Amino acid sequence: MFLSKLTVNIHSRTFRRDYANVHDMHRTLMSAYPELPPTTVARQTHGILWRLDSHRGGFTQYVQSHTEPDWTKLPDGHLTTPAETRPLQPVLDAVAAGRKFAFRLVANPTKCDGKTRRRIPFRQPADQIDWLIRQGERHGFAIPAAARGLPDIATTPITKITGQKNQTTKITVEPVRFDGHLLVTDPAAFTAALTNGIGRAKAYGCGLISLAPARTAG
């Protein structure tokens, strides 16, 4: 597996187009990977997950995949510096039961409406954290307690993701950024979550878990 870091040019025509329509952003990223037969779900086959992190003055995009990308296929001027790509195997090798990591995740916490069967976003931080705790039970991790016994996690609402897939299908995602610590409880399940992502809207910037060494207090 591979993890790429892209420093995007916010003034480029393609990025401005993509930022206005997340389906275009998805297609731009897919252009760096080999074409597959039309009957194949290319994102899933290549194992592509991505996240757009904002910072002062711009954005950094992280892209994870099974297949090694060729970022030279991006439009001219799309990046401000050459893409950085590295193997993800050292991160996967570090996964072990009881291991504590700092993490970041942009996800799409939702529930299914029993009457309409539509997905309804969780908008309250407590509900969002409960959603992630339930995801952890399925995906081999737990959120440890921090000060005052509260979960060691913070939620940050981020800009709504919108787009148009075709003339009749609109895309609307209300993502949430989670930052905090997690404990690995089931290495196999957690490795699968790292590889495949968590939650819905994975084609549109949600589901990618980034890990770092656990921070120490003080």
N, C-alpha and C. Protein backbone atom coordinates (compact mmCIF):
# COMPACT_ATOMS: atom_id res chain seq x y z
N MET A 1 0.84 -1.19 0.00
CA MET A 1 0.00 0.00 0.00
C MET A 1 0.87 1.24 0.00
N PHE A 2 0.26 2.36 -0.44
CA PHE A 2 1.01 3.60 -0.59
C PHE A 2 0.22 4.76 0.00
N LEU A 3 0.96 5.74 0.53
CA LEU A 3 0.36 6.98 1.02
C LEU A 3 1.05 8.14 0.33
N SER A 4 0.25 9.01 -0.28
CA SER A 4 0.78 10.16 -0.99
C SER A 4 0.37 11.45 -0.31
N LYS A 5 1.26 12.42 -0.35
CA LYS A 5 0.99 13.76 0.15
C LYS A 5 1.06 14.73 -1.01
N LEU A 6 -0.06 15.42 -1.25
CA LEU A 6 -0.17 16.36 -2.36
C LEU A 6 -0.38 17.76 -1.82
N THR A 7 0.49 18.68 -2.17
CA THR A 7 0.31 20.09 -1.81
C THR A 7 -0.33 20.77 -3.01
N VAL A 8 -1.64 21.00 -2.90
CA VAL A 8 -2.38 21.47 -4.06
C VAL A 8 -2.23 22.98 -4.24
N ASN A 9 -2.34 23.39 -5.48
CA ASN A 9 -2.28 24.80 -5.84
C ASN A 9 -3.70 25.35 -5.84
N ILE A 10 -4.04 26.12 -4.82
CA ILE A 10 -5.42 26.60 -4.69
C ILE A 10 -5.80 27.57 -5.81
N HIS A 11 -4.82 28.05 -6.55
CA HIS A 11 -5.10 28.98 -7.64
C HIS A 11 -5.26 28.28 -8.98
N SER A 12 -5.01 26.96 -9.01
CA SER A 12 -5.12 26.26 -10.29
C SER A 12 -6.59 26.13 -10.69
N ARG A 13 -6.82 26.16 -11.99
CA ARG A 13 -8.18 26.06 -12.50
C ARG A 13 -8.81 24.73 -12.13
N THR A 14 -8.02 23.65 -12.21
CA THR A 14 -8.59 22.34 -11.92
C THR A 14 -8.96 22.19 -10.45
N PHE A 15 -8.13 22.74 -9.55
CA PHE A 15 -8.48 22.61 -8.14
C PHE A 15 -9.73 23.43 -7.81
N ARG A 16 -9.85 24.62 -8.38
CA ARG A 16 -11.05 25.42 -8.11
C ARG A 16 -12.29 24.70 -8.61
N ARG A 17 -12.18 24.07 -9.77
CA ARG A 17 -13.31 23.28 -10.28
C ARG A 17 -13.61 22.12 -9.35
N ASP A 18 -12.56 21.39 -8.96
CA ASP A 18 -12.74 20.22 -8.11
C ASP A 18 -13.30 20.58 -6.74
N TYR A 19 -12.86 21.72 -6.19
CA TYR A 19 -13.33 22.12 -4.86
C TYR A 19 -14.82 22.45 -4.91
N ALA A 20 -15.30 22.88 -6.04
CA ALA A 20 -16.72 23.19 -6.19
C ALA A 20 -17.57 21.95 -6.44
N ASN A 21 -16.95 20.88 -6.92
CA ASN A 21 -17.68 19.66 -7.24
C ASN A 21 -16.83 18.46 -6.87
N VAL A 22 -17.15 17.82 -5.76
CA VAL A 22 -16.31 16.73 -5.24
C VAL A 22 -16.23 15.55 -6.19
N HIS A 23 -17.22 15.38 -7.06
CA HIS A 23 -17.14 14.29 -8.03
C HIS A 23 -16.02 14.55 -9.03
N ASP A 24 -15.81 15.81 -9.39
CA ASP A 24 -14.67 16.16 -10.24
C ASP A 24 -13.35 15.89 -9.52
N MET A 25 -13.30 16.17 -8.21
CA MET A 25 -12.09 15.90 -7.44
C MET A 25 -11.79 14.40 -7.43
N HIS A 26 -12.82 13.61 -7.26
CA HIS A 26 -12.66 12.16 -7.31
C HIS A 26 -12.08 11.73 -8.66
N ARG A 27 -12.60 12.28 -9.75
CA ARG A 27 -12.11 11.90 -11.08
C ARG A 27 -10.67 12.36 -11.30
N THR A 28 -10.32 13.53 -10.78
CA THR A 28 -8.95 14.01 -10.92
C THR A 28 -7.97 13.05 -10.25
N LEU A 29 -8.29 12.61 -9.03
CA LEU A 29 -7.43 11.68 -8.33
C LEU A 29 -7.35 10.34 -9.06
N MET A 30 -8.46 9.88 -9.59
CA MET A 30 -8.48 8.60 -10.28
C MET A 30 -7.60 8.62 -11.53
N SER A 31 -7.35 9.80 -12.08
CA SER A 31 -6.54 9.89 -13.29
C SER A 31 -5.10 9.45 -13.07
N ALA A 32 -4.66 9.39 -11.82
CA ALA A 32 -3.28 8.97 -11.51
C ALA A 32 -3.13 7.47 -11.44
N TYR A 33 -4.21 6.72 -11.64
CA TYR A 33 -4.18 5.26 -11.52
C TYR A 33 -4.52 4.61 -12.86
N PRO A 34 -4.03 3.39 -13.06
CA PRO A 34 -4.30 2.70 -14.34
C PRO A 34 -5.79 2.52 -14.58
N GLU A 35 -6.19 2.67 -15.85
CA GLU A 35 -7.58 2.44 -16.21
C GLU A 35 -7.93 0.97 -16.08
N LEU A 36 -9.17 0.71 -15.71
CA LEU A 36 -9.65 -0.67 -15.55
C LEU A 36 -10.89 -0.86 -16.42
N PRO A 37 -11.30 -2.10 -16.66
CA PRO A 37 -12.51 -2.33 -17.46
C PRO A 37 -13.72 -1.60 -16.87
N PRO A 38 -14.66 -1.17 -17.70
CA PRO A 38 -15.83 -0.41 -17.22
C PRO A 38 -16.66 -1.16 -16.18
N THR A 39 -16.59 -2.48 -16.19
CA THR A 39 -17.37 -3.27 -15.23
C THR A 39 -16.73 -3.32 -13.86
N THR A 40 -15.51 -2.76 -13.72
CA THR A 40 -14.77 -2.79 -12.47
C THR A 40 -14.99 -1.50 -11.69
N VAL A 41 -15.17 -1.63 -10.38
CA VAL A 41 -15.25 -0.43 -9.52
C VAL A 41 -13.82 -0.01 -9.22
N ALA A 42 -13.34 0.99 -9.96
CA ALA A 42 -11.92 1.32 -9.93
C ALA A 42 -11.45 1.78 -8.56
N ARG A 43 -12.24 2.60 -7.87
CA ARG A 43 -11.79 3.11 -6.57
C ARG A 43 -11.57 1.97 -5.61
N GLN A 44 -12.48 1.02 -5.57
CA GLN A 44 -12.35 -0.11 -4.65
C GLN A 44 -11.20 -1.02 -5.07
N THR A 45 -11.05 -1.25 -6.38
CA THR A 45 -9.98 -2.13 -6.85
C THR A 45 -8.61 -1.55 -6.52
N HIS A 46 -8.45 -0.25 -6.73
CA HIS A 46 -7.18 0.40 -6.40
C HIS A 46 -7.07 0.75 -4.91
N GLY A 47 -8.18 0.57 -4.17
CA GLY A 47 -8.16 0.82 -2.73
C GLY A 47 -7.92 2.27 -2.36
N ILE A 48 -8.53 3.19 -3.09
CA ILE A 48 -8.23 4.61 -2.91
C ILE A 48 -9.10 5.23 -1.81
N LEU A 49 -8.42 5.87 -0.86
CA LEU A 49 -9.05 6.71 0.15
C LEU A 49 -8.31 8.04 0.15
N TRP A 50 -9.01 9.13 0.46
CA TRP A 50 -8.31 10.41 0.48
C TRP A 50 -8.94 11.37 1.49
N ARG A 51 -8.17 12.39 1.82
CA ARG A 51 -8.65 13.42 2.75
C ARG A 51 -8.00 14.74 2.37
N LEU A 52 -8.77 15.81 2.47
CA LEU A 52 -8.26 17.15 2.19
C LEU A 52 -8.17 17.91 3.51
N ASP A 53 -6.95 18.20 3.93
CA ASP A 53 -6.72 18.93 5.18
C ASP A 53 -6.45 20.40 4.87
N SER A 54 -7.18 21.29 5.52
CA SER A 54 -6.96 22.72 5.33
C SER A 54 -5.91 23.22 6.32
N HIS A 55 -5.17 24.20 5.90
CA HIS A 55 -4.21 24.87 6.78
C HIS A 55 -4.08 26.30 6.29
N ARG A 56 -3.40 27.10 7.06
CA ARG A 56 -3.30 28.51 6.71
C ARG A 56 -2.67 28.66 5.32
N GLY A 57 -3.42 29.22 4.41
CA GLY A 57 -2.90 29.47 3.08
C GLY A 57 -3.17 28.41 2.05
N GLY A 58 -3.78 27.29 2.44
CA GLY A 58 -4.02 26.29 1.42
C GLY A 58 -4.53 24.96 1.94
N PHE A 59 -4.26 23.92 1.15
CA PHE A 59 -4.74 22.57 1.47
C PHE A 59 -3.63 21.56 1.20
N THR A 60 -3.63 20.50 1.99
CA THR A 60 -2.81 19.32 1.72
C THR A 60 -3.75 18.14 1.56
N GLN A 61 -3.54 17.37 0.51
CA GLN A 61 -4.39 16.22 0.24
C GLN A 61 -3.58 14.94 0.46
N TYR A 62 -4.15 14.03 1.25
CA TYR A 62 -3.53 12.74 1.50
C TYR A 62 -4.32 11.68 0.75
N VAL A 63 -3.60 10.82 0.04
CA VAL A 63 -4.25 9.78 -0.77
C VAL A 63 -3.59 8.44 -0.46
N GLN A 64 -4.40 7.49 -0.07
CA GLN A 64 -3.93 6.14 0.23
C GLN A 64 -4.47 5.19 -0.82
N SER A 65 -3.65 4.19 -1.22
CA SER A 65 -4.11 3.26 -2.25
C SER A 65 -3.32 1.97 -2.22
N HIS A 66 -3.94 0.90 -2.77
CA HIS A 66 -3.23 -0.36 -2.96
C HIS A 66 -2.24 -0.24 -4.11
N THR A 67 -2.62 0.49 -5.15
CA THR A 67 -1.84 0.65 -6.36
C THR A 67 -0.96 1.89 -6.26
N GLU A 68 0.26 1.80 -6.74
CA GLU A 68 1.13 2.98 -6.73
C GLU A 68 0.66 3.98 -7.79
N PRO A 69 0.43 5.24 -7.40
CA PRO A 69 -0.08 6.23 -8.35
C PRO A 69 1.03 6.87 -9.17
N ASP A 70 0.63 7.48 -10.27
CA ASP A 70 1.54 8.27 -11.09
C ASP A 70 1.00 9.70 -11.12
N TRP A 71 1.49 10.51 -10.19
CA TRP A 71 0.94 11.86 -10.04
C TRP A 71 1.39 12.82 -11.14
N THR A 72 2.30 12.39 -12.01
CA THR A 72 2.66 13.24 -13.15
C THR A 72 1.49 13.35 -14.12
N LYS A 73 0.48 12.51 -13.98
CA LYS A 73 -0.70 12.58 -14.84
C LYS A 73 -1.68 13.68 -14.43
N LEU A 74 -1.45 14.30 -13.28
CA LEU A 74 -2.32 15.41 -12.88
C LEU A 74 -2.13 16.58 -13.84
N PRO A 75 -3.14 17.44 -13.97
CA PRO A 75 -3.00 18.59 -14.86
C PRO A 75 -1.84 19.49 -14.44
N ASP A 76 -1.23 20.14 -15.41
CA ASP A 76 -0.14 21.08 -15.13
C ASP A 76 -0.62 22.16 -14.16
N GLY A 77 0.22 22.44 -13.16
CA GLY A 77 -0.10 23.48 -12.20
C GLY A 77 -1.02 23.08 -11.08
N HIS A 78 -1.42 21.80 -11.05
CA HIS A 78 -2.35 21.36 -10.00
C HIS A 78 -1.67 21.32 -8.63
N LEU A 79 -0.38 21.03 -8.59
CA LEU A 79 0.38 20.96 -7.35
C LEU A 79 1.41 22.09 -7.30
N THR A 80 1.75 22.51 -6.08
CA THR A 80 2.79 23.54 -5.94
C THR A 80 4.17 22.92 -5.79
N THR A 81 4.24 21.67 -5.33
CA THR A 81 5.50 20.95 -5.20
C THR A 81 5.26 19.52 -5.67
N PRO A 82 6.31 18.79 -6.02
CA PRO A 82 6.12 17.40 -6.45
C PRO A 82 5.44 16.56 -5.37
N ALA A 83 4.63 15.63 -5.81
CA ALA A 83 3.95 14.73 -4.87
C ALA A 83 4.97 13.87 -4.12
N GLU A 84 4.63 13.54 -2.87
CA GLU A 84 5.46 12.67 -2.05
C GLU A 84 4.68 11.37 -1.81
N THR A 85 5.28 10.25 -2.20
CA THR A 85 4.62 8.95 -2.04
C THR A 85 5.55 8.00 -1.31
N ARG A 86 5.02 7.29 -0.31
CA ARG A 86 5.84 6.34 0.45
C ARG A 86 5.02 5.08 0.73
N PRO A 87 5.69 3.95 0.95
CA PRO A 87 4.98 2.72 1.31
C PRO A 87 4.31 2.86 2.68
N LEU A 88 3.16 2.25 2.82
CA LEU A 88 2.42 2.30 4.09
C LEU A 88 2.71 1.09 4.96
N GLN A 89 3.49 0.14 4.46
CA GLN A 89 3.71 -1.09 5.20
C GLN A 89 4.29 -0.88 6.59
N PRO A 90 5.24 0.06 6.81
CA PRO A 90 5.74 0.26 8.18
C PRO A 90 4.63 0.63 9.18
N VAL A 91 3.63 1.36 8.72
CA VAL A 91 2.50 1.69 9.60
C VAL A 91 1.69 0.44 9.91
N LEU A 92 1.41 -0.35 8.89
CA LEU A 92 0.65 -1.58 9.11
C LEU A 92 1.41 -2.54 10.02
N ASP A 93 2.73 -2.58 9.87
CA ASP A 93 3.54 -3.48 10.70
C ASP A 93 3.53 -3.06 12.17
N ALA A 94 3.25 -1.79 12.44
CA ALA A 94 3.25 -1.28 13.82
C ALA A 94 1.97 -1.60 14.58
N VAL A 95 0.96 -2.09 13.87
CA VAL A 95 -0.32 -2.40 14.52
C VAL A 95 -0.18 -3.64 15.39
N ALA A 96 -0.54 -3.51 16.65
CA ALA A 96 -0.47 -4.63 17.60
C ALA A 96 -1.52 -4.41 18.68
N ALA A 97 -2.00 -5.49 19.25
CA ALA A 97 -3.00 -5.40 20.31
C ALA A 97 -2.46 -4.57 21.47
N GLY A 98 -3.28 -3.61 21.93
CA GLY A 98 -2.89 -2.75 23.04
C GLY A 98 -2.08 -1.54 22.64
N ARG A 99 -1.70 -1.44 21.38
CA ARG A 99 -0.90 -0.30 20.92
C ARG A 99 -1.78 0.95 20.87
N LYS A 100 -1.24 2.07 21.37
CA LYS A 100 -1.95 3.33 21.38
C LYS A 100 -1.39 4.24 20.30
N PHE A 101 -2.29 4.87 19.54
CA PHE A 101 -1.90 5.79 18.48
C PHE A 101 -2.66 7.10 18.61
N ALA A 102 -2.04 8.18 18.21
CA ALA A 102 -2.78 9.39 17.88
C ALA A 102 -3.34 9.19 16.48
N PHE A 103 -4.51 9.77 16.22
CA PHE A 103 -5.11 9.55 14.91
C PHE A 103 -5.90 10.78 14.45
N ARG A 104 -6.11 10.83 13.16
CA ARG A 104 -7.03 11.79 12.55
C ARG A 104 -7.89 11.05 11.56
N LEU A 105 -9.17 11.39 11.55
CA LEU A 105 -10.13 10.76 10.65
C LEU A 105 -11.17 11.80 10.26
N VAL A 106 -11.40 11.97 8.98
CA VAL A 106 -12.57 12.70 8.50
C VAL A 106 -13.59 11.66 8.08
N ALA A 107 -14.76 11.71 8.69
CA ALA A 107 -15.76 10.67 8.46
C ALA A 107 -17.13 11.31 8.24
N ASN A 108 -18.06 10.46 7.87
CA ASN A 108 -19.43 10.87 7.57
C ASN A 108 -20.38 10.14 8.50
N PRO A 109 -20.50 10.61 9.77
CA PRO A 109 -21.35 9.90 10.74
C PRO A 109 -22.83 10.08 10.41
N THR A 110 -23.51 8.99 10.14
CA THR A 110 -24.93 9.05 9.79
C THR A 110 -25.68 7.91 10.44
N LYS A 111 -27.00 8.02 10.39
CA LYS A 111 -27.87 6.91 10.77
C LYS A 111 -28.95 6.79 9.70
N CYS A 112 -29.59 5.66 9.64
CA CYS A 112 -30.63 5.41 8.64
C CYS A 112 -31.99 5.73 9.23
N ASP A 113 -32.75 6.59 8.57
CA ASP A 113 -34.11 6.90 9.00
C ASP A 113 -35.00 5.68 8.76
N GLY A 114 -35.67 5.24 9.82
CA GLY A 114 -36.46 4.01 9.73
C GLY A 114 -37.63 4.10 8.77
N LYS A 115 -38.12 5.32 8.51
CA LYS A 115 -39.29 5.47 7.64
C LYS A 115 -38.89 5.71 6.19
N THR A 116 -37.99 6.66 5.98
CA THR A 116 -37.62 7.02 4.61
C THR A 116 -36.45 6.21 4.08
N ARG A 117 -35.70 5.56 4.96
CA ARG A 117 -34.47 4.82 4.63
C ARG A 117 -33.36 5.73 4.15
N ARG A 118 -33.52 7.02 4.34
CA ARG A 118 -32.47 7.96 3.98
C ARG A 118 -31.44 8.05 5.10
N ARG A 119 -30.22 8.45 4.72
CA ARG A 119 -29.16 8.64 5.70
C ARG A 119 -29.29 10.03 6.31
N ILE A 120 -29.27 10.08 7.64
CA ILE A 120 -29.38 11.34 8.37
C ILE A 120 -28.07 11.59 9.11
N PRO A 121 -27.45 12.75 8.91
CA PRO A 121 -26.17 13.00 9.58
C PRO A 121 -26.33 13.27 11.07
N PHE A 122 -25.38 12.79 11.85
CA PHE A 122 -25.29 13.17 13.25
C PHE A 122 -24.61 14.54 13.32
N ARG A 123 -25.27 15.52 13.95
CA ARG A 123 -24.72 16.88 13.98
C ARG A 123 -24.25 17.30 15.37
N GLN A 124 -24.61 16.55 16.41
CA GLN A 124 -24.17 16.89 17.76
C GLN A 124 -22.87 16.15 18.08
N PRO A 125 -21.89 16.85 18.67
CA PRO A 125 -20.60 16.19 18.96
C PRO A 125 -20.74 14.89 19.76
N ALA A 126 -21.62 14.87 20.76
CA ALA A 126 -21.77 13.66 21.58
C ALA A 126 -22.25 12.49 20.72
N ASP A 127 -23.17 12.75 19.80
CA ASP A 127 -23.67 11.70 18.92
C ASP A 127 -22.58 11.25 17.94
N GLN A 128 -21.78 12.19 17.48
CA GLN A 128 -20.69 11.86 16.56
C GLN A 128 -19.65 10.98 17.24
N ILE A 129 -19.33 11.30 18.49
CA ILE A 129 -18.37 10.49 19.24
C ILE A 129 -18.93 9.11 19.52
N ASP A 130 -20.21 9.03 19.87
CA ASP A 130 -20.83 7.72 20.08
C ASP A 130 -20.78 6.88 18.80
N TRP A 131 -21.01 7.53 17.67
CA TRP A 131 -20.92 6.83 16.38
C TRP A 131 -19.53 6.24 16.19
N LEU A 132 -18.49 7.03 16.48
CA LEU A 132 -17.13 6.54 16.28
C LEU A 132 -16.80 5.41 17.26
N ILE A 133 -17.29 5.50 18.48
CA ILE A 133 -17.06 4.43 19.45
C ILE A 133 -17.69 3.12 18.94
N ARG A 134 -18.88 3.22 18.36
CA ARG A 134 -19.51 2.02 17.79
C ARG A 134 -18.72 1.49 16.60
N GLN A 135 -18.19 2.39 15.80
CA GLN A 135 -17.34 1.96 14.69
C GLN A 135 -16.11 1.20 15.21
N GLY A 136 -15.56 1.70 16.32
CA GLY A 136 -14.41 1.04 16.90
C GLY A 136 -14.70 -0.38 17.34
N GLU A 137 -15.89 -0.61 17.87
CA GLU A 137 -16.27 -1.96 18.28
C GLU A 137 -16.31 -2.91 17.09
N ARG A 138 -16.65 -2.39 15.92
CA ARG A 138 -16.70 -3.20 14.70
C ARG A 138 -15.33 -3.36 14.06
N HIS A 139 -14.47 -2.34 14.25
CA HIS A 139 -13.23 -2.28 13.48
C HIS A 139 -11.97 -2.43 14.31
N GLY A 140 -12.09 -2.96 15.51
CA GLY A 140 -10.90 -3.37 16.24
C GLY A 140 -10.14 -2.28 16.97
N PHE A 141 -10.85 -1.24 17.43
CA PHE A 141 -10.18 -0.23 18.24
C PHE A 141 -11.14 0.35 19.26
N ALA A 142 -10.57 0.98 20.27
CA ALA A 142 -11.36 1.63 21.32
C ALA A 142 -10.79 3.03 21.54
N ILE A 143 -11.65 3.93 22.00
CA ILE A 143 -11.22 5.29 22.33
C ILE A 143 -10.97 5.33 23.83
N PRO A 144 -9.73 5.60 24.26
CA PRO A 144 -9.45 5.62 25.70
C PRO A 144 -10.01 6.88 26.36
N ALA A 145 -10.04 6.85 27.67
CA ALA A 145 -10.52 8.01 28.43
C ALA A 145 -9.39 9.02 28.61
N ALA A 146 -9.78 10.29 28.63
CA ALA A 146 -8.82 11.37 28.87
C ALA A 146 -9.21 12.07 30.17
N ALA A 147 -9.07 13.38 30.21
CA ALA A 147 -9.39 14.13 31.42
C ALA A 147 -10.85 13.97 31.79
N ARG A 148 -11.08 13.85 33.08
CA ARG A 148 -12.43 13.74 33.66
C ARG A 148 -13.18 12.53 33.13
N GLY A 149 -12.44 11.55 32.61
CA GLY A 149 -13.07 10.33 32.15
C GLY A 149 -13.76 10.42 30.81
N LEU A 150 -13.63 11.56 30.12
CA LEU A 150 -14.27 11.74 28.83
C LEU A 150 -13.43 11.06 27.73
N PRO A 151 -14.04 10.67 26.63
CA PRO A 151 -13.27 10.05 25.54
C PRO A 151 -12.18 10.99 25.04
N ASP A 152 -11.02 10.42 24.78
CA ASP A 152 -9.87 11.21 24.35
C ASP A 152 -9.99 11.50 22.85
N ILE A 153 -10.89 12.40 22.55
CA ILE A 153 -11.19 12.70 21.16
C ILE A 153 -11.84 14.07 21.06
N ALA A 154 -11.57 14.77 19.99
CA ALA A 154 -12.20 16.06 19.72
C ALA A 154 -12.83 16.01 18.33
N THR A 155 -13.98 16.64 18.18
CA THR A 155 -14.65 16.71 16.87
C THR A 155 -14.59 18.14 16.35
N THR A 156 -14.43 18.25 15.05
CA THR A 156 -14.41 19.55 14.40
C THR A 156 -15.27 19.48 13.14
N PRO A 157 -16.35 20.28 13.07
CA PRO A 157 -17.12 20.30 11.84
C PRO A 157 -16.30 20.95 10.73
N ILE A 158 -16.40 20.42 9.54
CA ILE A 158 -15.68 21.00 8.41
C ILE A 158 -16.67 21.31 7.30
N THR A 159 -16.19 21.99 6.28
CA THR A 159 -17.05 22.47 5.21
C THR A 159 -17.83 21.32 4.56
N LYS A 160 -19.12 21.54 4.35
CA LYS A 160 -19.95 20.53 3.71
C LYS A 160 -19.39 20.20 2.33
N ILE A 161 -19.38 18.91 2.01
CA ILE A 161 -18.91 18.44 0.72
C ILE A 161 -20.10 18.34 -0.23
N THR A 162 -19.98 18.97 -1.38
CA THR A 162 -21.08 18.95 -2.34
C THR A 162 -20.55 18.64 -3.73
N GLY A 163 -21.46 18.22 -4.58
CA GLY A 163 -21.08 17.94 -5.96
C GLY A 163 -22.27 17.43 -6.75
N GLN A 164 -22.01 17.11 -8.01
CA GLN A 164 -23.03 16.63 -8.93
C GLN A 164 -22.45 15.45 -9.68
N LYS A 165 -22.95 14.26 -9.40
CA LYS A 165 -22.43 13.06 -10.06
C LYS A 165 -22.91 12.97 -11.50
N ASN A 166 -24.16 13.31 -11.72
CA ASN A 166 -24.73 13.37 -13.06
C ASN A 166 -25.90 14.35 -13.01
N GLN A 167 -26.71 14.38 -14.05
CA GLN A 167 -27.78 15.38 -14.11
C GLN A 167 -28.82 15.20 -13.02
N THR A 168 -28.94 14.00 -12.49
CA THR A 168 -30.00 13.74 -11.51
C THR A 168 -29.49 13.43 -10.10
N THR A 169 -28.20 13.19 -9.95
CA THR A 169 -27.67 12.77 -8.65
C THR A 169 -26.79 13.85 -8.04
N LYS A 170 -27.27 14.45 -6.97
CA LYS A 170 -26.48 15.44 -6.24
C LYS A 170 -25.75 14.76 -5.09
N ILE A 171 -24.59 15.30 -4.74
CA ILE A 171 -23.78 14.76 -3.65
C ILE A 171 -23.75 15.79 -2.53
N THR A 172 -24.14 15.36 -1.34
CA THR A 172 -24.08 16.22 -0.15
C THR A 172 -23.60 15.38 1.02
N VAL A 173 -22.47 15.76 1.59
CA VAL A 173 -21.88 15.05 2.72
C VAL A 173 -21.57 16.07 3.81
N GLU A 174 -21.95 15.76 5.05
CA GLU A 174 -21.64 16.63 6.18
C GLU A 174 -20.54 15.96 7.01
N PRO A 175 -19.29 16.19 6.65
CA PRO A 175 -18.19 15.47 7.30
C PRO A 175 -17.81 16.06 8.65
N VAL A 176 -17.16 15.24 9.44
CA VAL A 176 -16.66 15.64 10.76
C VAL A 176 -15.21 15.17 10.86
N ARG A 177 -14.35 16.02 11.42
CA ARG A 177 -12.98 15.60 11.66
C ARG A 177 -12.83 15.16 13.10
N PHE A 178 -12.27 13.97 13.29
CA PHE A 178 -11.99 13.43 14.62
C PHE A 178 -10.47 13.45 14.83
N ASP A 179 -10.04 14.00 15.95
CA ASP A 179 -8.63 13.99 16.35
C ASP A 179 -8.55 13.48 17.78
N GLY A 180 -7.65 12.54 18.04
CA GLY A 180 -7.53 12.04 19.40
C GLY A 180 -6.62 10.84 19.45
N HIS A 181 -6.94 9.92 20.37
CA HIS A 181 -6.16 8.70 20.53
C HIS A 181 -7.08 7.49 20.42
N LEU A 182 -6.49 6.38 20.00
CA LEU A 182 -7.20 5.11 19.96
C LEU A 182 -6.28 4.00 20.46
N LEU A 183 -6.90 2.92 20.91
CA LEU A 183 -6.20 1.72 21.33
C LEU A 183 -6.60 0.57 20.42
N VAL A 184 -5.65 -0.16 19.91
CA VAL A 184 -5.94 -1.31 19.06
C VAL A 184 -6.41 -2.47 19.93
N THR A 185 -7.58 -3.01 19.64
CA THR A 185 -8.12 -4.16 20.38
C THR A 185 -8.09 -5.44 19.56
N ASP A 186 -8.19 -5.32 18.25
CA ASP A 186 -8.18 -6.48 17.35
C ASP A 186 -7.32 -6.10 16.15
N PRO A 187 -6.05 -6.52 16.12
CA PRO A 187 -5.15 -6.09 15.05
C PRO A 187 -5.65 -6.41 13.64
N ALA A 188 -6.24 -7.58 13.45
CA ALA A 188 -6.71 -7.94 12.10
C ALA A 188 -7.84 -7.02 11.65
N ALA A 189 -8.81 -6.79 12.53
CA ALA A 189 -9.94 -5.93 12.18
C ALA A 189 -9.48 -4.49 11.98
N PHE A 190 -8.54 -4.04 12.81
CA PHE A 190 -8.08 -2.67 12.69
C PHE A 190 -7.25 -2.47 11.41
N THR A 191 -6.45 -3.45 11.07
CA THR A 191 -5.69 -3.38 9.82
C THR A 191 -6.63 -3.31 8.63
N ALA A 192 -7.71 -4.06 8.68
CA ALA A 192 -8.71 -3.99 7.61
C ALA A 192 -9.34 -2.60 7.54
N ALA A 193 -9.58 -1.98 8.70
CA ALA A 193 -10.14 -0.63 8.72
C ALA A 193 -9.16 0.39 8.14
N LEU A 194 -7.88 0.23 8.47
CA LEU A 194 -6.87 1.11 7.89
C LEU A 194 -6.84 0.96 6.37
N THR A 195 -6.96 -0.25 5.91
CA THR A 195 -6.86 -0.54 4.49
C THR A 195 -8.09 -0.09 3.72
N ASN A 196 -9.27 -0.33 4.28
CA ASN A 196 -10.52 -0.12 3.56
C ASN A 196 -11.28 1.14 3.95
N GLY A 197 -10.88 1.77 5.07
CA GLY A 197 -11.57 2.97 5.52
C GLY A 197 -12.76 2.67 6.40
N ILE A 198 -13.31 3.74 6.96
CA ILE A 198 -14.42 3.63 7.91
C ILE A 198 -15.58 4.52 7.45
N GLY A 199 -16.78 3.97 7.51
CA GLY A 199 -17.97 4.77 7.25
C GLY A 199 -18.28 4.91 5.77
N ARG A 200 -19.14 5.89 5.46
CA ARG A 200 -19.64 6.11 4.11
C ARG A 200 -18.88 7.26 3.44
N ALA A 201 -19.21 7.48 2.15
CA ALA A 201 -18.65 8.58 1.34
C ALA A 201 -17.14 8.46 1.17
N LYS A 202 -16.66 7.23 1.02
CA LYS A 202 -15.21 7.03 0.89
C LYS A 202 -14.67 7.59 -0.43
N ALA A 203 -15.50 7.65 -1.45
CA ALA A 203 -15.04 8.24 -2.71
C ALA A 203 -14.93 9.75 -2.62
N TYR A 204 -15.49 10.33 -1.57
CA TYR A 204 -15.59 11.78 -1.48
C TYR A 204 -14.89 12.36 -0.26
N GLY A 205 -13.75 11.78 0.08
CA GLY A 205 -12.90 12.39 1.09
C GLY A 205 -13.13 11.95 2.52
N CYS A 206 -13.86 10.86 2.72
CA CYS A 206 -14.13 10.38 4.08
C CYS A 206 -13.56 8.96 4.25
N GLY A 207 -13.26 8.61 5.52
CA GLY A 207 -12.91 7.23 5.85
C GLY A 207 -11.45 6.93 6.06
N LEU A 208 -10.54 7.83 5.64
CA LEU A 208 -9.11 7.57 5.76
C LEU A 208 -8.63 7.84 7.19
N ILE A 209 -8.03 6.84 7.83
CA ILE A 209 -7.46 6.98 9.17
C ILE A 209 -5.96 7.23 9.06
N SER A 210 -5.49 8.32 9.63
CA SER A 210 -4.06 8.61 9.69
C SER A 210 -3.57 8.39 11.10
N LEU A 211 -2.44 7.71 11.25
CA LEU A 211 -1.89 7.36 12.55
C LEU A 211 -0.58 8.09 12.79
N ALA A 212 -0.28 8.35 14.07
CA ALA A 212 0.98 8.93 14.50
C ALA A 212 1.28 8.36 15.87
N PRO A 213 2.54 8.44 16.36
CA PRO A 213 2.83 8.00 17.72
C PRO A 213 1.96 8.73 18.73
N ALA A 214 1.57 8.01 19.78
CA ALA A 214 0.72 8.61 20.81
C ALA A 214 1.43 9.79 21.45
N ARG A 215 0.67 10.84 21.69
CA ARG A 215 1.24 12.02 22.37
C ARG A 215 1.27 11.78 23.86
N THR A 216 2.26 12.32 24.52
CA THR A 216 2.36 12.20 25.97
C THR A 216 1.93 13.49 26.62
N ALA A 217 1.30 13.39 27.75
CA ALA A 217 0.84 14.58 28.47
C ALA A 217 2.02 15.31 29.08
N GLY A 218 1.84 16.62 29.26
CA GLY A 218 2.86 17.40 29.92
C GLY A 218 3.73 18.19 29.01
